[in-house]
Amino acid sequence: MPRAAVLLSGCGNRDGSEIHESVCAVIALDRKGWDIVYTAPAIPQQKTVSYIDGTKLPPRNTLEESARIARGKIVPLNEIHLENIDSVVIPGGLGVALTLCDFAVNGASCSINPEVNSFLKNANELGIPIGAMCIAPTLVARCLPGTTLTIGNDRTTADKIEKMGCRHVECSADKSVVDRQNRVVSTPAYMTATGPAQVLEGAISMVTALEELLKNQRG
């Protein structure tokens, strides 16, 4: 049974992981028989807001908030052992672009949280395929220059991805883009999706591609 580490950034699209995308990723993995371990860095969120009126709230802990999606069963990122992981999946949501990296603030000049950066680079060096949804490809672009990615058809964001040394390919919400050389799969999710059904189709496409990368690696 392959195991996926689902990397979360909080709980909710405005300041953490997008909940629909996280659930769709988990459903796609579960339907294929994957074992799932949820993880997040134990760091303060860079932004926390009210989902009723958008007002700023006191900072919350990324790991604590992510545990809501994981139903309490979550492992701090610094305790994940990559030798036990077959793939990394990163749902979107503004937490990816605020807390895991600061793309939402600094665009193509963004930086990544050091713990997250080391985790993704080490995974890539070990040949572990990475799946990225929605805005998460911007995180991958900063970490792994030279990668082919998609965020759908948002030209402004695509231009910033290309400024970070990556190639952007347009893609519909129900599909995914595969970079076989760098072992990265990305899907637009709510960058273009009109509802959760399209997000789920894109997640299924992503997980199928991750499985193909694993199969080719094992020969």
N, C-alpha and C. Protein backbone atom coordinates (compact mmCIF):
# COMPACT_ATOMS: atom_id res chain seq x y z
N MET A 1 0.85 -1.19 0.00
CA MET A 1 0.00 0.00 0.00
C MET A 1 0.89 1.25 0.00
N PRO A 2 0.80 2.08 -1.03
CA PRO A 2 1.61 3.31 -1.05
C PRO A 2 1.11 4.29 0.00
N ARG A 3 2.02 5.15 0.45
CA ARG A 3 1.68 6.12 1.50
C ARG A 3 1.95 7.54 0.98
N ALA A 4 0.95 8.40 1.18
CA ALA A 4 1.08 9.80 0.79
C ALA A 4 1.13 10.69 2.02
N ALA A 5 2.04 11.64 2.03
CA ALA A 5 2.05 12.69 3.04
C ALA A 5 1.27 13.87 2.48
N VAL A 6 0.15 14.21 3.10
CA VAL A 6 -0.66 15.35 2.67
C VAL A 6 -0.22 16.55 3.49
N LEU A 7 0.43 17.49 2.83
CA LEU A 7 1.01 18.66 3.49
C LEU A 7 -0.02 19.78 3.56
N LEU A 8 -0.41 20.13 4.78
CA LEU A 8 -1.45 21.13 5.00
C LEU A 8 -0.86 22.44 5.53
N SER A 9 -1.68 23.50 5.44
CA SER A 9 -1.21 24.84 5.84
C SER A 9 -2.23 25.56 6.72
N GLY A 10 -3.11 24.80 7.36
CA GLY A 10 -4.18 25.40 8.15
C GLY A 10 -5.52 24.83 7.72
N CYS A 11 -6.58 25.54 8.01
CA CYS A 11 -7.92 25.03 7.71
C CYS A 11 -8.81 26.14 7.16
N GLY A 12 -8.92 26.17 5.84
CA GLY A 12 -9.79 27.15 5.19
C GLY A 12 -9.07 27.90 4.09
N ASN A 13 -9.79 28.21 3.02
CA ASN A 13 -9.16 28.75 1.81
C ASN A 13 -8.56 30.14 1.98
N ARG A 14 -9.03 30.92 2.95
CA ARG A 14 -8.56 32.31 3.07
C ARG A 14 -7.27 32.45 3.85
N ASP A 15 -6.92 31.45 4.64
CA ASP A 15 -5.70 31.57 5.44
C ASP A 15 -5.00 30.24 5.69
N GLY A 16 -5.54 29.16 5.16
CA GLY A 16 -4.96 27.83 5.37
C GLY A 16 -5.13 26.97 4.14
N SER A 17 -5.32 25.66 4.34
CA SER A 17 -5.56 24.74 3.23
C SER A 17 -7.02 24.82 2.80
N GLU A 18 -7.25 24.83 1.50
CA GLU A 18 -8.61 24.84 0.96
C GLU A 18 -9.27 23.50 1.31
N ILE A 19 -10.39 23.55 2.01
CA ILE A 19 -10.98 22.33 2.56
C ILE A 19 -11.49 21.41 1.46
N HIS A 20 -12.19 21.93 0.46
CA HIS A 20 -12.69 21.07 -0.62
C HIS A 20 -11.51 20.36 -1.30
N GLU A 21 -10.46 21.11 -1.59
CA GLU A 21 -9.30 20.52 -2.27
C GLU A 21 -8.64 19.45 -1.41
N SER A 22 -8.52 19.73 -0.12
CA SER A 22 -7.91 18.75 0.78
C SER A 22 -8.73 17.47 0.82
N VAL A 23 -10.05 17.61 0.93
CA VAL A 23 -10.94 16.45 0.99
C VAL A 23 -10.93 15.69 -0.34
N CYS A 24 -10.95 16.42 -1.45
CA CYS A 24 -10.91 15.77 -2.76
C CYS A 24 -9.61 15.00 -2.95
N ALA A 25 -8.51 15.58 -2.51
CA ALA A 25 -7.23 14.86 -2.61
C ALA A 25 -7.26 13.58 -1.79
N VAL A 26 -7.80 13.67 -0.59
CA VAL A 26 -7.87 12.50 0.28
C VAL A 26 -8.80 11.44 -0.30
N ILE A 27 -9.93 11.86 -0.86
CA ILE A 27 -10.86 10.90 -1.48
C ILE A 27 -10.17 10.19 -2.65
N ALA A 28 -9.48 10.98 -3.48
CA ALA A 28 -8.80 10.39 -4.64
C ALA A 28 -7.75 9.38 -4.19
N LEU A 29 -7.00 9.71 -3.15
CA LEU A 29 -6.00 8.79 -2.62
C LEU A 29 -6.64 7.55 -2.01
N ASP A 30 -7.68 7.78 -1.22
CA ASP A 30 -8.35 6.67 -0.53
C ASP A 30 -8.99 5.70 -1.52
N ARG A 31 -9.58 6.21 -2.57
CA ARG A 31 -10.21 5.35 -3.57
C ARG A 31 -9.20 4.46 -4.27
N LYS A 32 -7.95 4.91 -4.33
CA LYS A 32 -6.88 4.13 -4.96
C LYS A 32 -6.15 3.24 -3.96
N GLY A 33 -6.59 3.27 -2.69
CA GLY A 33 -6.01 2.39 -1.69
C GLY A 33 -4.75 2.91 -1.02
N TRP A 34 -4.50 4.22 -1.11
CA TRP A 34 -3.32 4.78 -0.49
C TRP A 34 -3.50 4.90 1.03
N ASP A 35 -2.42 4.73 1.76
CA ASP A 35 -2.36 5.11 3.16
C ASP A 35 -2.04 6.60 3.20
N ILE A 36 -2.65 7.32 4.14
CA ILE A 36 -2.50 8.77 4.18
C ILE A 36 -1.98 9.20 5.54
N VAL A 37 -0.94 10.02 5.53
CA VAL A 37 -0.46 10.65 6.76
C VAL A 37 -0.55 12.17 6.55
N TYR A 38 -1.23 12.83 7.47
CA TYR A 38 -1.38 14.28 7.39
C TYR A 38 -0.21 14.94 8.12
N THR A 39 0.25 16.05 7.58
CA THR A 39 1.36 16.74 8.20
C THR A 39 1.27 18.23 7.97
N ALA A 40 1.92 19.00 8.82
CA ALA A 40 2.01 20.45 8.70
C ALA A 40 3.12 20.92 9.62
N PRO A 41 3.74 22.05 9.30
CA PRO A 41 4.75 22.59 10.21
C PRO A 41 4.08 23.20 11.44
N ALA A 42 4.73 23.06 12.58
CA ALA A 42 4.19 23.62 13.83
C ALA A 42 4.67 25.06 13.99
N ILE A 43 4.13 25.94 13.14
CA ILE A 43 4.53 27.35 13.11
C ILE A 43 3.29 28.22 13.12
N PRO A 44 3.41 29.49 13.51
CA PRO A 44 2.24 30.38 13.46
C PRO A 44 1.81 30.63 12.02
N GLN A 45 0.50 30.69 11.79
CA GLN A 45 0.01 31.12 10.48
C GLN A 45 0.35 32.60 10.29
N GLN A 46 0.68 32.96 9.08
CA GLN A 46 1.01 34.35 8.80
C GLN A 46 -0.22 35.25 8.78
N LYS A 47 -1.39 34.63 8.63
CA LYS A 47 -2.63 35.40 8.61
C LYS A 47 -3.76 34.49 9.06
N THR A 48 -4.64 35.02 9.89
CA THR A 48 -5.84 34.30 10.30
C THR A 48 -7.00 35.28 10.23
N VAL A 49 -8.08 34.89 9.56
CA VAL A 49 -9.20 35.81 9.37
C VAL A 49 -10.53 35.17 9.77
N SER A 50 -11.50 36.02 10.02
CA SER A 50 -12.87 35.57 10.24
C SER A 50 -13.48 35.18 8.89
N TYR A 51 -14.13 34.04 8.85
CA TYR A 51 -14.78 33.62 7.61
C TYR A 51 -16.18 34.18 7.49
N ILE A 52 -16.58 34.98 8.46
CA ILE A 52 -17.88 35.66 8.39
C ILE A 52 -17.73 37.05 7.81
N ASP A 53 -16.79 37.83 8.33
CA ASP A 53 -16.68 39.21 7.86
C ASP A 53 -15.28 39.57 7.36
N GLY A 54 -14.33 38.61 7.36
CA GLY A 54 -13.00 38.87 6.82
C GLY A 54 -12.06 39.62 7.73
N THR A 55 -12.50 39.94 8.95
CA THR A 55 -11.63 40.69 9.85
C THR A 55 -10.46 39.82 10.32
N LYS A 56 -9.37 40.50 10.65
CA LYS A 56 -8.16 39.80 11.09
C LYS A 56 -8.36 39.26 12.49
N LEU A 57 -7.89 38.04 12.71
CA LEU A 57 -7.97 37.39 14.02
C LEU A 57 -6.56 37.14 14.55
N PRO A 58 -6.42 36.89 15.84
CA PRO A 58 -5.08 36.56 16.38
C PRO A 58 -4.50 35.33 15.68
N PRO A 59 -3.18 35.30 15.51
CA PRO A 59 -2.55 34.17 14.81
C PRO A 59 -2.86 32.83 15.47
N ARG A 60 -2.97 31.81 14.64
CA ARG A 60 -3.17 30.46 15.12
C ARG A 60 -2.02 29.58 14.65
N ASN A 61 -1.89 28.41 15.25
CA ASN A 61 -0.81 27.50 14.90
C ASN A 61 -1.20 26.66 13.68
N THR A 62 -0.31 26.58 12.71
CA THR A 62 -0.60 25.87 11.46
C THR A 62 -0.90 24.39 11.71
N LEU A 63 -0.13 23.76 12.57
CA LEU A 63 -0.34 22.35 12.87
C LEU A 63 -1.70 22.14 13.55
N GLU A 64 -2.02 22.97 14.52
CA GLU A 64 -3.28 22.85 15.24
C GLU A 64 -4.47 23.03 14.30
N GLU A 65 -4.39 24.02 13.43
CA GLU A 65 -5.49 24.27 12.50
C GLU A 65 -5.61 23.16 11.47
N SER A 66 -4.48 22.66 10.99
CA SER A 66 -4.49 21.58 10.00
C SER A 66 -5.09 20.31 10.58
N ALA A 67 -4.92 20.12 11.88
CA ALA A 67 -5.46 18.93 12.54
C ALA A 67 -6.97 18.85 12.42
N ARG A 68 -7.64 19.96 12.18
CA ARG A 68 -9.09 19.95 11.97
C ARG A 68 -9.44 19.13 10.72
N ILE A 69 -8.68 19.34 9.65
CA ILE A 69 -8.92 18.58 8.42
C ILE A 69 -8.52 17.13 8.60
N ALA A 70 -7.47 16.90 9.38
CA ALA A 70 -6.96 15.54 9.60
C ALA A 70 -7.76 14.78 10.66
N ARG A 71 -8.80 15.41 11.18
CA ARG A 71 -9.62 14.81 12.24
C ARG A 71 -8.75 14.45 13.45
N GLY A 72 -7.75 15.30 13.68
CA GLY A 72 -6.92 15.16 14.86
C GLY A 72 -5.69 14.29 14.70
N LYS A 73 -5.64 13.51 13.64
CA LYS A 73 -4.53 12.57 13.46
C LYS A 73 -3.52 13.17 12.50
N ILE A 74 -2.54 13.90 13.06
CA ILE A 74 -1.58 14.62 12.23
C ILE A 74 -0.20 14.52 12.84
N VAL A 75 0.82 14.55 11.99
CA VAL A 75 2.21 14.42 12.41
C VAL A 75 2.94 15.73 12.10
N PRO A 76 3.64 16.32 13.06
CA PRO A 76 4.44 17.51 12.75
C PRO A 76 5.40 17.25 11.60
N LEU A 77 5.59 18.24 10.77
CA LEU A 77 6.40 18.05 9.57
C LEU A 77 7.81 17.58 9.90
N ASN A 78 8.38 18.06 11.00
CA ASN A 78 9.75 17.67 11.34
C ASN A 78 9.86 16.24 11.87
N GLU A 79 8.73 15.56 12.01
CA GLU A 79 8.74 14.16 12.44
C GLU A 79 8.41 13.18 11.32
N ILE A 80 8.22 13.70 10.10
CA ILE A 80 7.95 12.84 8.96
C ILE A 80 9.27 12.22 8.46
N HIS A 81 9.27 10.92 8.29
CA HIS A 81 10.44 10.21 7.76
C HIS A 81 10.18 9.88 6.29
N LEU A 82 10.91 10.53 5.42
CA LEU A 82 10.64 10.38 3.99
C LEU A 82 10.88 8.97 3.47
N GLU A 83 11.69 8.19 4.16
CA GLU A 83 11.90 6.82 3.70
C GLU A 83 10.62 5.99 3.81
N ASN A 84 9.63 6.50 4.56
CA ASN A 84 8.34 5.80 4.69
C ASN A 84 7.24 6.42 3.84
N ILE A 85 7.61 7.37 2.97
CA ILE A 85 6.64 8.11 2.17
C ILE A 85 6.86 7.82 0.69
N ASP A 86 5.77 7.58 -0.04
CA ASP A 86 5.85 7.33 -1.48
C ASP A 86 5.51 8.55 -2.32
N SER A 87 4.74 9.49 -1.75
CA SER A 87 4.38 10.69 -2.49
C SER A 87 4.01 11.80 -1.51
N VAL A 88 4.16 13.04 -1.95
CA VAL A 88 3.74 14.20 -1.19
C VAL A 88 2.63 14.90 -1.98
N VAL A 89 1.53 15.24 -1.31
CA VAL A 89 0.41 15.93 -1.96
C VAL A 89 0.14 17.23 -1.20
N ILE A 90 0.06 18.33 -1.94
CA ILE A 90 -0.13 19.65 -1.33
C ILE A 90 -1.41 20.29 -1.86
N PRO A 91 -2.49 20.29 -1.07
CA PRO A 91 -3.69 21.03 -1.48
C PRO A 91 -3.40 22.53 -1.52
N GLY A 92 -4.26 23.27 -2.22
CA GLY A 92 -4.09 24.71 -2.29
C GLY A 92 -4.70 25.42 -1.09
N GLY A 93 -5.03 26.67 -1.28
CA GLY A 93 -5.49 27.52 -0.19
C GLY A 93 -4.46 28.59 0.09
N LEU A 94 -4.91 29.74 0.58
CA LEU A 94 -4.00 30.87 0.73
C LEU A 94 -2.91 30.62 1.77
N GLY A 95 -3.12 29.65 2.65
CA GLY A 95 -2.07 29.32 3.61
C GLY A 95 -0.79 28.86 2.95
N VAL A 96 -0.92 28.20 1.79
CA VAL A 96 0.28 27.77 1.05
C VAL A 96 1.10 28.99 0.65
N ALA A 97 0.40 30.05 0.22
CA ALA A 97 1.07 31.23 -0.32
C ALA A 97 1.31 32.32 0.72
N LEU A 98 0.94 32.05 1.97
CA LEU A 98 1.19 33.00 3.05
C LEU A 98 2.11 32.42 4.12
N THR A 99 1.88 31.15 4.47
CA THR A 99 2.60 30.53 5.58
C THR A 99 3.68 29.56 5.12
N LEU A 100 3.34 28.67 4.18
CA LEU A 100 4.38 27.74 3.69
C LEU A 100 5.42 28.49 2.85
N CYS A 101 4.95 29.48 2.12
CA CYS A 101 5.83 30.43 1.44
C CYS A 101 5.12 31.78 1.48
N ASP A 102 5.74 32.83 0.95
CA ASP A 102 5.10 34.15 0.99
C ASP A 102 4.80 34.68 -0.42
N PHE A 103 4.43 33.75 -1.31
CA PHE A 103 4.12 34.14 -2.69
C PHE A 103 3.02 35.18 -2.76
N ALA A 104 2.02 35.11 -1.88
CA ALA A 104 0.90 36.05 -1.91
C ALA A 104 1.35 37.47 -1.62
N VAL A 105 2.49 37.61 -0.97
CA VAL A 105 3.01 38.93 -0.62
C VAL A 105 4.10 39.37 -1.59
N ASN A 106 5.00 38.45 -1.92
CA ASN A 106 6.21 38.82 -2.66
C ASN A 106 6.30 38.25 -4.07
N GLY A 107 5.28 37.51 -4.52
CA GLY A 107 5.25 37.04 -5.89
C GLY A 107 6.48 36.23 -6.26
N ALA A 108 7.05 36.51 -7.41
CA ALA A 108 8.18 35.74 -7.91
C ALA A 108 9.44 35.88 -7.06
N SER A 109 9.46 36.86 -6.16
CA SER A 109 10.60 37.03 -5.25
C SER A 109 10.37 36.35 -3.91
N CYS A 110 9.38 35.48 -3.84
CA CYS A 110 8.98 34.87 -2.59
C CYS A 110 10.06 33.95 -2.01
N SER A 111 9.93 33.68 -0.72
CA SER A 111 10.79 32.73 -0.04
C SER A 111 9.92 31.67 0.62
N ILE A 112 10.53 30.52 0.95
CA ILE A 112 9.80 29.40 1.53
C ILE A 112 10.22 29.22 2.99
N ASN A 113 9.28 28.82 3.80
CA ASN A 113 9.62 28.43 5.16
C ASN A 113 10.74 27.38 5.08
N PRO A 114 11.83 27.54 5.82
CA PRO A 114 12.99 26.64 5.69
C PRO A 114 12.66 25.17 5.92
N GLU A 115 11.79 24.89 6.85
CA GLU A 115 11.42 23.50 7.14
C GLU A 115 10.69 22.88 5.96
N VAL A 116 9.78 23.64 5.37
CA VAL A 116 9.02 23.17 4.21
C VAL A 116 9.96 23.00 3.02
N ASN A 117 10.85 23.96 2.84
CA ASN A 117 11.79 23.91 1.73
C ASN A 117 12.66 22.65 1.80
N SER A 118 13.21 22.37 2.98
CA SER A 118 14.05 21.18 3.14
C SER A 118 13.25 19.90 2.89
N PHE A 119 12.03 19.87 3.39
CA PHE A 119 11.18 18.69 3.22
C PHE A 119 10.94 18.40 1.75
N LEU A 120 10.57 19.43 0.98
CA LEU A 120 10.26 19.22 -0.43
C LEU A 120 11.52 18.92 -1.24
N LYS A 121 12.61 19.61 -0.96
CA LYS A 121 13.85 19.34 -1.68
C LYS A 121 14.35 17.92 -1.41
N ASN A 122 14.28 17.51 -0.17
CA ASN A 122 14.72 16.16 0.17
C ASN A 122 13.83 15.11 -0.49
N ALA A 123 12.53 15.37 -0.52
CA ALA A 123 11.61 14.44 -1.19
C ALA A 123 11.96 14.33 -2.66
N ASN A 124 12.21 15.46 -3.29
CA ASN A 124 12.55 15.47 -4.71
C ASN A 124 13.87 14.74 -4.97
N GLU A 125 14.85 14.96 -4.12
CA GLU A 125 16.15 14.30 -4.29
C GLU A 125 16.05 12.80 -4.13
N LEU A 126 15.07 12.34 -3.35
CA LEU A 126 14.85 10.91 -3.16
C LEU A 126 13.97 10.31 -4.25
N GLY A 127 13.51 11.15 -5.19
CA GLY A 127 12.67 10.66 -6.28
C GLY A 127 11.22 10.49 -5.89
N ILE A 128 10.81 11.07 -4.76
CA ILE A 128 9.42 10.97 -4.31
C ILE A 128 8.57 11.95 -5.11
N PRO A 129 7.56 11.48 -5.84
CA PRO A 129 6.75 12.39 -6.63
C PRO A 129 5.92 13.33 -5.76
N ILE A 130 5.73 14.54 -6.27
CA ILE A 130 5.00 15.58 -5.55
C ILE A 130 3.78 15.99 -6.36
N GLY A 131 2.61 16.03 -5.71
CA GLY A 131 1.39 16.52 -6.33
C GLY A 131 1.02 17.86 -5.73
N ALA A 132 0.68 18.83 -6.58
CA ALA A 132 0.37 20.18 -6.11
C ALA A 132 -0.94 20.66 -6.74
N MET A 133 -1.81 21.22 -5.92
CA MET A 133 -3.12 21.66 -6.36
C MET A 133 -3.27 23.19 -6.23
N CYS A 134 -4.04 23.77 -7.16
CA CYS A 134 -4.44 25.17 -7.07
C CYS A 134 -3.22 26.09 -7.04
N ILE A 135 -3.02 26.85 -5.96
CA ILE A 135 -1.90 27.79 -5.86
C ILE A 135 -0.62 27.11 -5.39
N ALA A 136 -0.69 25.86 -4.94
CA ALA A 136 0.49 25.15 -4.42
C ALA A 136 1.63 25.03 -5.44
N PRO A 137 1.36 24.98 -6.76
CA PRO A 137 2.48 24.96 -7.70
C PRO A 137 3.43 26.15 -7.57
N THR A 138 2.97 27.28 -7.02
CA THR A 138 3.89 28.40 -6.82
C THR A 138 4.94 28.05 -5.77
N LEU A 139 4.53 27.30 -4.76
CA LEU A 139 5.47 26.81 -3.74
C LEU A 139 6.50 25.88 -4.36
N VAL A 140 6.03 24.97 -5.21
CA VAL A 140 6.92 24.03 -5.89
C VAL A 140 7.87 24.77 -6.82
N ALA A 141 7.35 25.79 -7.50
CA ALA A 141 8.19 26.57 -8.43
C ALA A 141 9.36 27.22 -7.71
N ARG A 142 9.11 27.78 -6.54
CA ARG A 142 10.18 28.42 -5.78
C ARG A 142 11.20 27.39 -5.30
N CYS A 143 10.71 26.21 -4.92
CA CYS A 143 11.57 25.17 -4.36
C CYS A 143 12.34 24.40 -5.43
N LEU A 144 11.67 24.15 -6.57
CA LEU A 144 12.23 23.28 -7.60
C LEU A 144 12.22 23.99 -8.96
N PRO A 145 13.10 24.94 -9.18
CA PRO A 145 13.15 25.61 -10.48
C PRO A 145 13.41 24.63 -11.60
N GLY A 146 12.84 24.93 -12.76
CA GLY A 146 12.98 24.04 -13.91
C GLY A 146 11.83 23.08 -14.08
N THR A 147 10.86 23.13 -13.16
CA THR A 147 9.72 22.22 -13.19
C THR A 147 8.63 22.75 -14.12
N THR A 148 7.92 21.84 -14.77
CA THR A 148 6.74 22.19 -15.57
C THR A 148 5.51 22.05 -14.68
N LEU A 149 4.69 23.11 -14.64
CA LEU A 149 3.57 23.19 -13.70
C LEU A 149 2.35 23.82 -14.35
N THR A 150 1.21 23.72 -13.65
CA THR A 150 0.02 24.44 -14.07
C THR A 150 -0.69 25.04 -12.87
N ILE A 151 -1.25 26.21 -13.08
CA ILE A 151 -2.23 26.78 -12.15
C ILE A 151 -3.52 27.08 -12.92
N GLY A 152 -3.67 26.46 -14.09
CA GLY A 152 -4.87 26.65 -14.90
C GLY A 152 -4.61 27.59 -16.05
N ASN A 153 -5.26 28.75 -16.03
CA ASN A 153 -5.08 29.71 -17.13
C ASN A 153 -4.92 31.14 -16.65
N ASP A 154 -4.54 31.33 -15.40
CA ASP A 154 -4.31 32.67 -14.85
C ASP A 154 -2.94 33.15 -15.30
N ARG A 155 -2.93 34.03 -16.31
CA ARG A 155 -1.68 34.44 -16.92
C ARG A 155 -0.79 35.21 -15.96
N THR A 156 -1.40 35.99 -15.07
CA THR A 156 -0.59 36.77 -14.13
C THR A 156 0.22 35.85 -13.22
N THR A 157 -0.44 34.84 -12.66
CA THR A 157 0.26 33.90 -11.79
C THR A 157 1.23 33.05 -12.60
N ALA A 158 0.83 32.65 -13.80
CA ALA A 158 1.71 31.86 -14.67
C ALA A 158 2.99 32.61 -14.99
N ASP A 159 2.88 33.92 -15.23
CA ASP A 159 4.07 34.72 -15.51
C ASP A 159 5.04 34.70 -14.33
N LYS A 160 4.50 34.74 -13.12
CA LYS A 160 5.35 34.72 -11.93
C LYS A 160 6.02 33.36 -11.76
N ILE A 161 5.29 32.29 -12.09
CA ILE A 161 5.89 30.96 -12.06
C ILE A 161 7.05 30.87 -13.04
N GLU A 162 6.85 31.45 -14.21
CA GLU A 162 7.91 31.42 -15.22
C GLU A 162 9.10 32.28 -14.82
N LYS A 163 8.84 33.37 -14.10
CA LYS A 163 9.94 34.20 -13.60
C LYS A 163 10.78 33.44 -12.57
N MET A 164 10.19 32.45 -11.93
CA MET A 164 10.92 31.64 -10.97
C MET A 164 11.67 30.49 -11.64
N GLY A 165 11.71 30.51 -12.97
CA GLY A 165 12.50 29.52 -13.70
C GLY A 165 11.78 28.25 -14.06
N CYS A 166 10.45 28.28 -14.04
CA CYS A 166 9.66 27.10 -14.37
C CYS A 166 8.86 27.32 -15.65
N ARG A 167 8.30 26.26 -16.16
CA ARG A 167 7.46 26.33 -17.37
C ARG A 167 6.01 26.14 -16.96
N HIS A 168 5.14 26.96 -17.51
CA HIS A 168 3.71 26.84 -17.20
C HIS A 168 2.96 26.30 -18.41
N VAL A 169 2.02 25.38 -18.13
CA VAL A 169 1.16 24.81 -19.16
C VAL A 169 -0.29 25.01 -18.74
N GLU A 170 -1.11 25.55 -19.63
CA GLU A 170 -2.53 25.73 -19.30
C GLU A 170 -3.21 24.36 -19.19
N CYS A 171 -4.20 24.28 -18.30
CA CYS A 171 -4.85 23.00 -18.02
C CYS A 171 -6.23 23.27 -17.45
N SER A 172 -7.19 22.42 -17.79
CA SER A 172 -8.53 22.53 -17.23
C SER A 172 -8.57 21.92 -15.82
N ALA A 173 -9.60 22.29 -15.07
CA ALA A 173 -9.67 21.89 -13.66
C ALA A 173 -9.75 20.39 -13.45
N ASP A 174 -10.28 19.66 -14.42
CA ASP A 174 -10.47 18.22 -14.25
C ASP A 174 -9.28 17.40 -14.74
N LYS A 175 -8.22 18.07 -15.14
CA LYS A 175 -7.02 17.39 -15.65
C LYS A 175 -5.81 17.73 -14.79
N SER A 176 -4.67 17.18 -15.16
CA SER A 176 -3.42 17.50 -14.47
C SER A 176 -2.29 17.57 -15.48
N VAL A 177 -1.22 18.21 -15.08
CA VAL A 177 -0.01 18.32 -15.90
C VAL A 177 1.10 17.53 -15.21
N VAL A 178 1.79 16.69 -15.97
CA VAL A 178 2.81 15.81 -15.41
C VAL A 178 4.19 16.21 -15.91
N ASP A 179 5.10 16.45 -14.99
CA ASP A 179 6.50 16.64 -15.31
C ASP A 179 7.22 15.36 -14.90
N ARG A 180 7.43 14.49 -15.86
CA ARG A 180 8.02 13.18 -15.56
C ARG A 180 9.47 13.28 -15.12
N GLN A 181 10.20 14.21 -15.70
CA GLN A 181 11.61 14.33 -15.34
C GLN A 181 11.79 14.77 -13.89
N ASN A 182 11.00 15.76 -13.47
CA ASN A 182 11.11 16.28 -12.10
C ASN A 182 10.15 15.62 -11.14
N ARG A 183 9.30 14.71 -11.66
CA ARG A 183 8.39 13.91 -10.85
C ARG A 183 7.42 14.78 -10.05
N VAL A 184 6.80 15.71 -10.78
CA VAL A 184 5.81 16.63 -10.19
C VAL A 184 4.53 16.59 -11.02
N VAL A 185 3.39 16.50 -10.33
CA VAL A 185 2.08 16.54 -10.98
C VAL A 185 1.30 17.71 -10.38
N SER A 186 0.68 18.52 -11.23
CA SER A 186 -0.10 19.65 -10.72
C SER A 186 -1.47 19.70 -11.39
N THR A 187 -2.44 20.22 -10.66
CA THR A 187 -3.81 20.35 -11.16
C THR A 187 -4.38 21.69 -10.69
N PRO A 188 -5.17 22.38 -11.51
CA PRO A 188 -5.60 23.74 -11.18
C PRO A 188 -6.57 23.87 -10.02
N ALA A 189 -7.41 22.85 -9.78
CA ALA A 189 -8.42 22.91 -8.72
C ALA A 189 -9.19 24.23 -8.80
N TYR A 190 -9.32 24.92 -7.67
CA TYR A 190 -10.16 26.12 -7.65
C TYR A 190 -9.54 27.34 -8.32
N MET A 191 -8.37 27.21 -8.91
CA MET A 191 -7.89 28.29 -9.77
C MET A 191 -8.80 28.44 -10.98
N THR A 192 -9.43 27.32 -11.39
CA THR A 192 -10.35 27.38 -12.53
C THR A 192 -11.66 26.63 -12.28
N ALA A 193 -11.71 25.76 -11.30
CA ALA A 193 -12.88 24.91 -11.09
C ALA A 193 -14.11 25.74 -10.70
N THR A 194 -15.27 25.27 -11.13
CA THR A 194 -16.53 25.93 -10.78
C THR A 194 -17.22 25.24 -9.62
N GLY A 195 -16.68 24.12 -9.17
CA GLY A 195 -17.29 23.40 -8.06
C GLY A 195 -16.45 22.21 -7.65
N PRO A 196 -16.81 21.56 -6.54
CA PRO A 196 -16.00 20.45 -6.02
C PRO A 196 -15.93 19.24 -6.93
N ALA A 197 -16.94 19.03 -7.79
CA ALA A 197 -16.89 17.88 -8.69
C ALA A 197 -15.69 17.99 -9.64
N GLN A 198 -15.45 19.18 -10.16
CA GLN A 198 -14.29 19.37 -11.03
C GLN A 198 -12.99 19.24 -10.25
N VAL A 199 -12.98 19.74 -9.02
CA VAL A 199 -11.78 19.60 -8.18
C VAL A 199 -11.47 18.13 -7.95
N LEU A 200 -12.51 17.33 -7.69
CA LEU A 200 -12.31 15.90 -7.46
C LEU A 200 -11.77 15.22 -8.71
N GLU A 201 -12.30 15.57 -9.88
CA GLU A 201 -11.80 14.96 -11.11
C GLU A 201 -10.32 15.29 -11.32
N GLY A 202 -9.94 16.53 -11.02
CA GLY A 202 -8.54 16.91 -11.14
C GLY A 202 -7.67 16.16 -10.14
N ALA A 203 -8.20 15.97 -8.93
CA ALA A 203 -7.45 15.23 -7.91
C ALA A 203 -7.26 13.78 -8.32
N ILE A 204 -8.29 13.18 -8.90
CA ILE A 204 -8.18 11.80 -9.39
C ILE A 204 -7.13 11.70 -10.49
N SER A 205 -7.14 12.67 -11.41
CA SER A 205 -6.14 12.71 -12.47
C SER A 205 -4.74 12.83 -11.88
N MET A 206 -4.58 13.67 -10.87
CA MET A 206 -3.29 13.87 -10.21
C MET A 206 -2.81 12.58 -9.55
N VAL A 207 -3.67 11.92 -8.80
CA VAL A 207 -3.28 10.71 -8.09
C VAL A 207 -2.95 9.59 -9.07
N THR A 208 -3.72 9.48 -10.14
CA THR A 208 -3.43 8.48 -11.17
C THR A 208 -2.04 8.70 -11.76
N ALA A 209 -1.70 9.98 -12.02
CA ALA A 209 -0.38 10.29 -12.56
C ALA A 209 0.73 10.00 -11.55
N LEU A 210 0.47 10.28 -10.27
CA LEU A 210 1.46 9.96 -9.24
C LEU A 210 1.72 8.46 -9.20
N GLU A 211 0.65 7.66 -9.33
CA GLU A 211 0.81 6.20 -9.34
C GLU A 211 1.64 5.75 -10.54
N GLU A 212 1.42 6.37 -11.68
CA GLU A 212 2.19 6.01 -12.87
C GLU A 212 3.67 6.33 -12.69
N LEU A 213 3.96 7.46 -12.05
CA LEU A 213 5.36 7.81 -11.77
C LEU A 213 6.00 6.79 -10.85
N LEU A 214 5.25 6.34 -9.85
CA LEU A 214 5.78 5.32 -8.94
C LEU A 214 6.01 3.99 -9.65
N LYS A 215 5.06 3.63 -10.49
CA LYS A 215 5.18 2.36 -11.23
C LYS A 215 6.40 2.38 -12.14
N ASN A 216 6.61 3.50 -12.82
CA ASN A 216 7.77 3.61 -13.72
C ASN A 216 9.08 3.58 -12.94
N GLN A 217 9.07 4.16 -11.74
CA GLN A 217 10.27 4.16 -10.91
C GLN A 217 10.63 2.74 -10.46
N ARG A 218 9.59 1.96 -10.13
CA ARG A 218 9.83 0.62 -9.62
C ARG A 218 10.09 -0.39 -10.73
N GLY A 219 9.71 0.03 -11.96
CA GLY A 219 9.99 -0.77 -13.14
C GLY A 219 9.29 -2.09 -13.20
